[in-house]
Amino acid sequence: MSTFVVEGGHRLEGTIYPQGAKNEALEVICAVLLTPEKVVIENIPDILDVRNLISLLEALGVATRHIDRHTCEFEAKNIDLSYLDTDEFRITAQTLRGSVMVIGPLLARFGRAILPKPGGDKIGRRRLDTHFLGLQKLGADFTYDSAKKVYQIQVGDRLRGTYILLDEASITGTANLIMAAVLAEGVTTIYNAACEPYIQQLCRMLVRMGARIEGIGSNLLTITGTTALGGAAHRMLPDMIEVGSFIGMAAMTGSNVLLKNVGVKDLGIIPDTFRRLGIDMRVEGDDIRIDQKEIHEIETFIDGSIMTFADAPWPGLSPDLLSVFLVVATQARGSVLIHQKMFESRLFFVDKLIDMGARIILCDPHRAAVIGSGKFNSLLAADMVSPDIRAGVALLIAAMGARGTSRIHNIDQIDRGYEKIDERLNRIGARIIRE
């Protein structure tokens, strides 16, 4: 188990480029299974979850050629479905949440899929009902082996288009159903679809491959199935969660940082939400500049009531950034309520922030009240363990702003979502040692 040793209190100064979007990568890489032709994807982040997914596809028979570190050519011409029945597939897929998105492409093209209960972050219940109920409506049958924790899914002949009203705007559920529907017979309508920029990117890539999708960017998608898809080239967006993480780091350390090529138009309300925490930033073309500032003042609502940040489906605030807002708020002046609606275990890492001196009241598994002190009550260094990707980077931000030297264990969790983050931050002034 690897560890970060973080010497806090150092300002950052310089330019940093965000990586390609992790969540988009998991979707578009699975989509290469829909065609036997070559698909080239650019700006792929070199992170653990993406490497594991590519390895899984290679074991399935997808030929891959790494053009450079962040560009890969995929060719899913010779797929070996027998690999789905192996213990190796079951073990690999169980460790990777993104493996759930191989179901749609495999069903659409081959009529059969097997899915072990997938892994990923331990942030609470992450049910798969939205995926399976939608696939059922398209004509798939599934059974669940509770002893092996394996789902068996198959199609009698071919998936057939239908009307699907999702019970929740699940991002991975929407992606799976889109990928299944593009090769289904007839017209599929998906209502209450997730419409995040990464879903839009998946749709645009599929359209370049020959799919017929209307309503891209909305929560109502109409997909007219086709018999086959071809190859395409696709470039991924910058990772909005990493952009938000870097904004939080700059604010926490009182730094001057320029974030280059961040995809401003696809950040939604993220910049404005940081401004409500009192963080000054300037948009310069497709870049964001955060200027040094000693004290951040948390805004109140217009009627004077305490500011509340809550996650919501796009274009609402991403749940992946609430941990960053929470830790930055501990060193701002004012109060804020963080309401994590989606996952009931994601706020439990605040116990460690409390040990570091943060003034936080964990109201229940979903809500935390932060009483910021404007750095008059600076965080103190601590020894801690990263429970998941986003809490891990929040703890890293806390350690960078704390007095003294902290140790963060289990940083493999951070590596799952952030590419060489210690090296990139050290180049602009951080003091992070990887053990």
Protein backbone atom coordinates (compact mmCIF):
# COMPACT_ATOMS: atom_id res chain seq x y z
CA MET A 1 0.00 0.00 0.00
CA SER A 2 1.55 3.28 -1.14
CA THR A 3 1.66 6.48 0.94
CA PHE A 4 1.92 10.21 0.29
CA VAL A 5 4.07 12.21 2.71
CA VAL A 6 2.81 15.78 2.38
CA GLU A 7 4.57 18.82 3.82
CA GLY A 8 1.85 21.42 4.15
CA GLY A 9 1.91 25.19 3.96
CA HIS A 10 3.58 25.64 0.57
CA ARG A 11 2.08 27.96 -2.01
CA LEU A 12 1.68 26.77 -5.59
CA GLU A 13 2.87 28.93 -8.49
CA GLY A 14 2.59 28.03 -12.15
CA THR A 15 0.56 26.34 -14.85
CA ILE A 16 -1.14 22.97 -14.77
CA TYR A 17 -3.06 21.06 -17.45
CA PRO A 18 -6.01 18.85 -16.49
CA GLN A 19 -6.02 15.26 -17.68
CA GLY A 20 -8.65 13.71 -19.92
CA ALA A 21 -11.94 12.95 -18.21
CA LYS A 22 -11.94 9.69 -16.27
CA ASN A 23 -15.71 9.17 -16.41
CA GLU A 24 -15.85 9.85 -20.14
CA ALA A 25 -12.96 7.44 -20.74
CA LEU A 26 -14.81 4.54 -19.11
CA GLU A 27 -17.82 5.14 -21.40
CA VAL A 28 -16.13 5.72 -24.76
CA ILE A 29 -13.59 2.91 -24.31
CA CYS A 30 -16.45 0.44 -23.72
CA ALA A 31 -18.13 1.77 -26.87
CA VAL A 32 -15.31 0.39 -29.07
CA LEU A 33 -16.95 -3.03 -28.57
CA LEU A 34 -19.80 -1.90 -30.85
CA THR A 35 -17.75 -2.13 -34.06
CA PRO A 36 -15.15 -4.44 -35.60
CA GLU A 37 -13.50 -1.40 -37.18
CA LYS A 38 -10.72 0.72 -35.71
CA VAL A 39 -11.54 3.49 -33.21
CA VAL A 40 -8.89 6.03 -32.16
CA ILE A 41 -9.37 7.88 -28.86
CA GLU A 42 -7.22 10.84 -27.84
CA ASN A 43 -6.57 12.49 -24.45
CA ILE A 44 -7.02 9.25 -22.50
CA PRO A 45 -5.91 9.72 -18.85
CA ASP A 46 -3.12 7.38 -17.79
CA ILE A 47 -4.79 6.29 -14.55
CA LEU A 48 -5.37 2.97 -12.82
CA ASP A 49 -9.10 2.57 -13.57
CA VAL A 50 -8.60 3.27 -17.27
CA ARG A 51 -5.57 0.97 -17.55
CA ASN A 52 -7.56 -1.80 -15.87
CA LEU A 53 -10.49 -1.34 -18.26
CA ILE A 54 -8.22 -1.45 -21.30
CA SER A 55 -6.61 -4.63 -19.95
CA LEU A 56 -10.07 -6.14 -19.52
CA LEU A 57 -10.98 -5.35 -23.15
CA GLU A 58 -7.65 -6.76 -24.36
CA ALA A 59 -8.41 -10.02 -22.56
CA LEU A 60 -11.79 -10.05 -24.36
CA GLY A 61 -9.93 -9.89 -27.66
CA VAL A 62 -9.80 -6.16 -28.40
CA ALA A 63 -6.56 -5.32 -30.21
CA THR A 64 -5.01 -2.12 -28.86
CA ARG A 65 -2.18 0.01 -30.18
CA HIS A 66 -0.82 2.84 -28.04
CA ILE A 67 -0.02 5.66 -30.47
CA ASP A 68 1.31 7.74 -27.59
CA ARG A 69 0.82 7.88 -23.85
CA HIS A 70 -2.66 9.43 -24.14
CA THR A 71 -3.83 8.13 -27.55
CA CYS A 72 -4.88 4.58 -28.28
CA GLU A 73 -6.28 2.71 -31.28
CA PHE A 74 -8.82 -0.04 -30.55
CA GLU A 75 -10.01 -2.82 -32.87
CA ALA A 76 -12.71 -5.14 -31.52
CA LYS A 77 -12.74 -7.49 -34.52
CA ASN A 78 -12.01 -10.79 -32.78
CA ILE A 79 -13.96 -10.89 -29.52
CA ASP A 80 -13.66 -14.06 -27.42
CA LEU A 81 -16.96 -14.39 -25.55
CA SER A 82 -15.71 -17.51 -23.75
CA TYR A 83 -13.52 -15.20 -21.64
CA LEU A 84 -16.70 -13.98 -19.94
CA ASP A 85 -17.05 -17.40 -18.28
CA THR A 86 -13.59 -17.40 -16.70
CA ASP A 87 -12.64 -16.70 -13.11
CA GLU A 88 -10.11 -14.19 -14.41
CA PHE A 89 -12.87 -12.08 -15.97
CA ARG A 90 -15.00 -12.32 -12.84
CA ILE A 91 -12.16 -11.20 -10.56
CA THR A 92 -11.05 -8.38 -12.87
CA ALA A 93 -14.56 -7.02 -13.47
CA GLN A 94 -15.39 -7.08 -9.76
CA THR A 95 -12.59 -4.62 -9.05
CA LEU A 96 -13.72 -2.06 -11.65
CA ARG A 97 -16.98 -0.13 -11.54
CA GLY A 98 -16.64 0.85 -15.21
CA SER A 99 -16.94 -2.81 -16.24
CA VAL A 100 -20.72 -2.46 -15.95
CA MET A 101 -20.69 -0.53 -19.25
CA VAL A 102 -19.53 -3.51 -21.30
CA ILE A 103 -23.05 -4.98 -20.99
CA GLY A 104 -24.77 -2.66 -23.47
CA PRO A 105 -22.23 -3.06 -26.29
CA LEU A 106 -21.90 -6.83 -25.81
CA LEU A 107 -25.67 -7.37 -25.81
CA ALA A 108 -26.18 -5.11 -28.83
CA ARG A 109 -23.51 -6.76 -30.95
CA PHE A 110 -23.31 -10.33 -29.65
CA GLY A 111 -26.57 -10.90 -27.74
CA ARG A 112 -24.87 -12.09 -24.57
CA ALA A 113 -23.10 -10.61 -21.55
CA ILE A 114 -22.01 -11.64 -18.08
CA LEU A 115 -21.36 -9.17 -15.32
CA PRO A 116 -19.94 -9.91 -11.88
CA LYS A 117 -21.17 -7.42 -9.29
CA PRO A 118 -18.77 -4.55 -10.06
CA GLY A 119 -16.46 -2.81 -7.63
CA GLY A 120 -15.26 0.76 -7.45
CA ASP A 121 -15.44 3.26 -4.61
CA LYS A 122 -16.94 2.18 -1.28
CA ILE A 123 -19.24 5.18 -1.03
CA GLY A 124 -22.56 3.49 -0.35
CA ARG A 125 -25.08 1.48 -2.29
CA ARG A 126 -24.76 1.78 -6.06
CA ARG A 127 -27.61 -0.26 -7.45
CA LEU A 128 -27.82 -1.55 -11.00
CA ASP A 129 -31.61 -1.62 -11.37
CA THR A 130 -31.64 1.27 -13.87
CA HIS A 131 -29.33 -0.67 -16.19
CA PHE A 132 -31.18 -3.95 -16.05
CA LEU A 133 -34.74 -2.60 -16.15
CA GLY A 134 -33.87 -0.60 -19.26
CA LEU A 135 -32.16 -3.56 -20.94
CA GLN A 136 -35.18 -5.70 -20.08
CA LYS A 137 -37.42 -3.26 -21.93
CA LEU A 138 -35.12 -3.56 -24.94
CA GLY A 139 -35.66 -7.33 -24.89
CA ALA A 140 -32.88 -8.74 -22.73
CA ASP A 141 -33.38 -11.41 -20.07
CA PHE A 142 -31.18 -11.65 -16.99
CA THR A 143 -30.68 -13.82 -13.96
CA TYR A 144 -28.58 -13.24 -10.87
CA ASP A 145 -26.52 -15.96 -9.22
CA SER A 146 -26.36 -14.75 -5.62
CA ALA A 147 -23.74 -17.34 -4.66
CA LYS A 148 -21.28 -16.23 -7.35
CA LYS A 149 -22.58 -12.63 -7.44
CA VAL A 150 -22.81 -12.83 -11.23
CA TYR A 151 -25.47 -11.46 -13.60
CA GLN A 152 -26.21 -13.51 -16.73
CA ILE A 153 -27.78 -11.42 -19.52
CA GLN A 154 -28.84 -12.55 -22.98
CA VAL A 155 -31.04 -11.65 -25.94
CA GLY A 156 -33.15 -14.17 -27.83
CA ASP A 157 -32.74 -12.59 -31.28
CA ARG A 158 -32.01 -8.87 -31.36
CA LEU A 159 -32.67 -5.95 -29.07
CA ARG A 160 -35.76 -3.97 -30.11
CA GLY A 161 -36.35 -0.26 -29.63
CA THR A 162 -38.90 0.92 -27.10
CA TYR A 163 -39.84 3.78 -24.76
CA ILE A 164 -37.76 3.85 -21.56
CA LEU A 165 -38.45 6.18 -18.65
CA LEU A 166 -35.48 5.91 -16.29
CA ASP A 167 -36.25 5.75 -12.57
CA GLU A 168 -33.12 7.88 -11.98
CA ALA A 169 -30.85 9.91 -14.24
CA SER A 170 -28.04 7.38 -13.87
CA ILE A 171 -24.95 8.33 -15.89
CA THR A 172 -23.63 4.80 -16.35
CA GLY A 173 -27.18 3.49 -16.82
CA THR A 174 -27.84 6.04 -19.55
CA ALA A 175 -24.53 5.22 -21.25
CA ASN A 176 -25.27 1.50 -21.20
CA LEU A 177 -28.74 1.95 -22.69
CA ILE A 178 -27.51 4.33 -25.39
CA MET A 179 -24.86 1.81 -26.45
CA ALA A 180 -27.44 -0.99 -26.48
CA ALA A 181 -30.01 1.04 -28.42
CA VAL A 182 -27.77 2.17 -31.29
CA LEU A 183 -27.79 -1.40 -32.70
CA ALA A 184 -31.35 -2.26 -31.64
CA GLU A 185 -34.11 -2.71 -34.19
CA GLY A 186 -36.40 0.32 -34.45
CA VAL A 187 -36.59 3.49 -32.38
CA THR A 188 -35.67 3.81 -28.70
CA THR A 189 -36.71 6.80 -26.60
CA ILE A 190 -34.87 7.36 -23.32
CA TYR A 191 -36.52 9.90 -21.02
CA ASN A 192 -34.95 11.24 -17.80
CA ALA A 193 -31.61 10.41 -19.40
CA ALA A 194 -28.43 11.76 -17.83
CA CYS A 195 -27.14 14.63 -19.99
CA GLU A 196 -23.66 15.31 -18.55
CA PRO A 197 -21.03 16.52 -21.03
CA TYR A 198 -19.49 13.04 -20.98
CA ILE A 199 -22.79 11.47 -22.09
CA GLN A 200 -22.91 14.09 -24.84
CA GLN A 201 -19.37 13.13 -25.84
CA LEU A 202 -20.33 9.44 -26.00
CA CYS A 203 -23.30 10.30 -28.23
CA ARG A 204 -21.19 12.42 -30.57
CA MET A 205 -18.61 9.66 -30.90
CA LEU A 206 -21.36 7.13 -31.69
CA VAL A 207 -22.83 9.49 -34.30
CA ARG A 208 -19.42 9.67 -35.98
CA MET A 209 -19.47 5.86 -35.99
CA GLY A 210 -22.82 5.91 -37.82
CA ALA A 211 -25.39 5.95 -35.01
CA ARG A 212 -28.56 8.05 -35.28
CA ILE A 213 -29.17 9.95 -32.03
CA GLU A 214 -31.39 13.01 -31.53
CA GLY A 215 -31.70 15.21 -28.45
CA ILE A 216 -28.01 15.19 -27.48
CA GLY A 217 -27.54 17.46 -24.46
CA SER A 218 -31.11 17.01 -23.23
CA ASN A 219 -32.75 14.43 -20.97
CA LEU A 220 -34.85 13.09 -23.85
CA LEU A 221 -32.90 11.00 -26.36
CA THR A 222 -34.35 9.41 -29.50
CA ILE A 223 -32.18 6.68 -31.00
CA THR A 224 -32.92 5.02 -34.32
CA GLY A 225 -31.13 1.70 -34.44
CA THR A 226 -28.81 0.67 -37.25
CA THR A 227 -27.41 -2.71 -38.23
CA ALA A 228 -23.72 -1.86 -37.89
CA LEU A 229 -21.34 0.88 -36.78
CA GLY A 230 -17.98 1.84 -38.25
CA GLY A 231 -14.73 3.27 -36.99
CA ALA A 232 -14.13 6.84 -35.84
CA ALA A 233 -11.70 9.19 -34.12
CA HIS A 234 -12.61 10.88 -30.85
CA ARG A 235 -10.94 13.37 -28.51
CA MET A 236 -11.97 13.41 -24.87
CA LEU A 237 -12.83 16.46 -22.77
CA PRO A 238 -10.68 17.68 -19.86
CA ASP A 239 -11.72 16.18 -16.52
CA MET A 240 -14.06 18.66 -14.81
CA ILE A 241 -13.53 16.95 -11.43
CA GLU A 242 -9.78 17.38 -11.69
CA VAL A 243 -10.29 21.03 -12.70
CA GLY A 244 -12.40 21.52 -9.56
CA SER A 245 -9.79 19.71 -7.46
CA PHE A 246 -7.04 22.05 -8.68
CA ILE A 247 -9.18 25.11 -7.98
CA GLY A 248 -9.64 23.79 -4.43
CA MET A 249 -5.90 23.20 -4.01
CA ALA A 250 -5.07 26.72 -5.18
CA ALA A 251 -7.62 28.21 -2.79
CA MET A 252 -6.53 26.07 0.14
CA THR A 253 -2.87 27.05 -0.25
CA GLY A 254 -3.45 30.73 -1.16
CA SER A 255 -1.75 30.23 -4.52
CA ASN A 256 -1.46 31.75 -7.98
CA VAL A 257 -2.30 29.00 -10.46
CA LEU A 258 -3.23 28.99 -14.14
CA LEU A 259 -5.34 26.04 -15.29
CA LYS A 260 -4.89 25.58 -19.04
CA ASN A 261 -7.37 24.14 -21.53
CA VAL A 262 -10.05 23.29 -18.97
CA GLY A 263 -13.07 23.12 -21.29
CA VAL A 264 -14.80 26.12 -19.73
CA LYS A 265 -18.08 25.70 -21.61
CA ASP A 266 -18.47 22.18 -20.20
CA LEU A 267 -17.86 23.06 -16.53
CA GLY A 268 -21.48 24.06 -15.84
CA ILE A 269 -21.99 25.72 -12.46
CA ILE A 270 -18.67 24.54 -11.00
CA PRO A 271 -16.85 27.92 -11.35
CA ASP A 272 -19.80 29.88 -9.93
CA THR A 273 -20.07 27.48 -6.98
CA PHE A 274 -16.42 28.07 -6.11
CA ARG A 275 -17.05 31.81 -6.34
CA ARG A 276 -19.78 31.40 -3.71
CA LEU A 277 -17.04 30.07 -1.44
CA GLY A 278 -15.26 33.39 -1.97
CA ILE A 279 -12.66 32.14 -4.44
CA ASP A 280 -11.58 34.70 -7.02
CA MET A 281 -10.99 33.30 -10.48
CA ARG A 282 -10.80 34.72 -13.96
CA VAL A 283 -11.80 32.94 -17.15
CA GLU A 284 -9.28 33.71 -19.90
CA GLY A 285 -10.44 32.02 -23.10
CA ASP A 286 -10.42 28.32 -22.24
CA ASP A 287 -8.19 28.85 -19.18
CA ILE A 288 -8.95 29.67 -15.54
CA ARG A 289 -6.62 31.78 -13.39
CA ILE A 290 -6.87 31.62 -9.58
CA ASP A 291 -5.20 34.55 -7.84
CA GLN A 292 -3.58 34.47 -4.41
CA LYS A 293 -5.99 35.38 -1.64
CA GLU A 294 -5.55 35.02 2.11
CA ILE A 295 -9.17 34.91 3.26
CA HIS A 296 -12.17 33.51 1.41
CA GLU A 297 -15.60 34.74 2.49
CA ILE A 298 -18.44 32.25 2.08
CA GLU A 299 -21.54 33.90 0.67
CA THR A 300 -25.00 33.55 2.19
CA PHE A 301 -28.24 33.22 0.30
CA ILE A 302 -30.02 36.48 -0.59
CA ASP A 303 -32.23 36.25 2.51
CA GLY A 304 -29.16 35.83 4.74
CA SER A 305 -29.59 32.11 5.35
CA ILE A 306 -26.62 29.74 5.41
CA MET A 307 -25.25 28.67 2.04
CA THR A 308 -26.05 25.08 1.03
CA PHE A 309 -24.23 23.03 -1.60
CA ALA A 310 -26.08 19.91 -2.74
CA ASP A 311 -25.40 17.46 -5.55
CA ALA A 312 -27.90 17.12 -8.38
CA PRO A 313 -28.10 15.62 -11.88
CA TRP A 314 -26.48 17.73 -14.59
CA PRO A 315 -26.57 20.67 -14.99
CA GLY A 316 -26.60 20.57 -11.20
CA LEU A 317 -23.48 20.15 -9.07
CA SER A 318 -21.50 16.93 -9.44
CA PRO A 319 -21.41 14.78 -6.26
CA ASP A 320 -17.74 14.08 -7.03
CA LEU A 321 -16.79 17.64 -6.05
CA LEU A 322 -18.65 18.01 -2.75
CA SER A 323 -15.71 16.64 -0.77
CA VAL A 324 -13.48 19.33 -2.32
CA PHE A 325 -15.94 22.11 -1.47
CA LEU A 326 -16.18 20.78 2.06
CA VAL A 327 -12.46 20.80 2.78
CA VAL A 328 -11.93 24.26 1.22
CA ALA A 329 -14.81 25.63 3.31
CA THR A 330 -13.01 24.66 6.53
CA GLN A 331 -10.46 27.41 5.88
CA ALA A 332 -12.85 30.03 4.52
CA ARG A 333 -14.77 32.48 6.71
CA GLY A 334 -18.43 31.70 7.17
CA SER A 335 -20.64 28.62 7.25
CA VAL A 336 -21.96 26.20 4.66
CA LEU A 337 -24.10 23.06 4.68
CA ILE A 338 -22.85 20.26 2.43
CA HIS A 339 -25.70 17.95 1.41
CA GLN A 340 -24.51 14.75 -0.29
CA LYS A 341 -27.81 13.27 -1.47
CA MET A 342 -26.61 10.45 -3.67
CA PHE A 343 -24.25 8.32 -1.55
CA GLU A 344 -24.61 7.65 2.15
CA SER A 345 -20.95 6.88 2.92
CA ARG A 346 -19.15 9.68 1.14
CA LEU A 347 -19.01 12.11 4.07
CA PHE A 348 -17.52 9.74 6.61
CA PHE A 349 -14.00 10.97 5.80
CA VAL A 350 -14.80 14.22 7.67
CA ASP A 351 -13.85 12.49 10.94
CA LYS A 352 -10.23 12.83 9.86
CA LEU A 353 -10.71 16.54 9.05
CA ILE A 354 -12.17 17.00 12.53
CA ASP A 355 -9.04 15.34 13.95
CA MET A 356 -7.02 17.92 11.99
CA GLY A 357 -8.90 20.73 13.72
CA ALA A 358 -11.70 21.45 11.25
CA ARG A 359 -14.98 22.65 12.73
CA ILE A 360 -17.49 20.30 11.12
CA ILE A 361 -20.73 18.83 12.42
CA LEU A 362 -21.69 15.57 10.70
CA CYS A 363 -25.46 15.89 10.95
CA ASP A 364 -26.19 12.48 9.41
CA PRO A 365 -24.68 10.28 6.65
CA HIS A 366 -25.77 12.81 4.02
CA ARG A 367 -25.19 16.25 5.59
CA ALA A 368 -22.26 18.07 7.12
CA ALA A 369 -22.25 21.63 8.49
CA VAL A 370 -18.90 23.40 8.10
CA ILE A 371 -18.07 26.41 10.29
CA GLY A 372 -15.17 28.04 8.50
CA SER A 373 -12.59 29.98 10.48
CA GLY A 374 -10.76 31.88 7.77
CA LYS A 375 -7.42 30.21 8.62
CA PHE A 376 -7.52 31.52 12.18
CA ASN A 377 -7.86 27.87 13.15
CA SER A 378 -5.45 26.26 10.68
CA LEU A 379 -5.60 22.54 10.09
CA LEU A 380 -2.90 20.44 11.74
CA ALA A 381 -1.02 17.62 10.01
CA ALA A 382 -2.32 14.09 10.56
CA ASP A 383 -1.91 10.45 9.62
CA MET A 384 -4.86 9.28 7.50
CA VAL A 385 -6.15 6.70 5.02
CA SER A 386 -7.78 7.44 1.65
CA PRO A 387 -11.18 5.65 1.56
CA ASP A 388 -12.04 6.45 -2.08
CA ILE A 389 -10.89 8.59 -5.01
CA ARG A 390 -12.67 11.84 -4.17
CA ALA A 391 -12.26 11.70 -0.39
CA GLY A 392 -8.60 10.84 -1.00
CA VAL A 393 -7.97 13.98 -3.03
CA ALA A 394 -9.89 16.03 -0.44
CA LEU A 395 -7.54 14.72 2.24
CA LEU A 396 -4.59 15.61 -0.02
CA ILE A 397 -5.93 19.17 -0.31
CA ALA A 398 -6.30 19.33 3.47
CA ALA A 399 -2.73 18.10 3.97
CA MET A 400 -1.38 20.67 1.49
CA GLY A 401 -2.99 23.46 3.50
CA ALA A 402 -2.20 22.08 6.97
CA ARG A 403 0.65 22.97 9.32
CA GLY A 404 3.23 20.20 9.49
CA THR A 405 3.76 16.94 7.60
CA SER A 406 0.87 14.55 6.95
CA ARG A 407 0.84 10.97 5.73
CA ILE A 408 -1.95 9.67 3.48
CA HIS A 409 -2.08 5.89 3.13
CA ASN A 410 -3.88 3.80 0.49
CA ILE A 411 -3.14 6.37 -2.22
CA ASP A 412 -3.83 3.72 -4.85
CA GLN A 413 -7.38 5.04 -4.51
CA ILE A 414 -6.21 8.49 -5.61
CA ASP A 415 -4.20 6.96 -8.47
CA ARG A 416 -7.41 5.40 -9.78
CA GLY A 417 -8.65 8.85 -10.78
CA TYR A 418 -5.69 11.27 -10.89
CA GLU A 419 -2.72 10.85 -13.21
CA LYS A 420 0.67 11.25 -11.47
CA ILE A 421 -0.84 13.95 -9.30
CA ASP A 422 2.16 14.15 -6.98
CA GLU A 423 4.61 14.79 -9.84
CA ARG A 424 2.38 17.40 -11.46
CA LEU A 425 1.80 19.29 -8.19
CA ASN A 426 5.46 19.13 -7.17
CA ARG A 427 6.38 20.89 -10.42
CA ILE A 428 4.42 23.96 -9.27
CA GLY A 429 5.58 24.06 -5.67
CA ALA A 430 3.92 21.27 -3.67
CA ARG A 431 6.02 19.05 -1.35
CA ILE A 432 4.69 15.52 -1.81
CA ILE A 433 6.79 12.35 -1.49
CA ARG A 434 5.46 9.00 -2.68
CA GLU A 435 6.53 6.06 -0.53
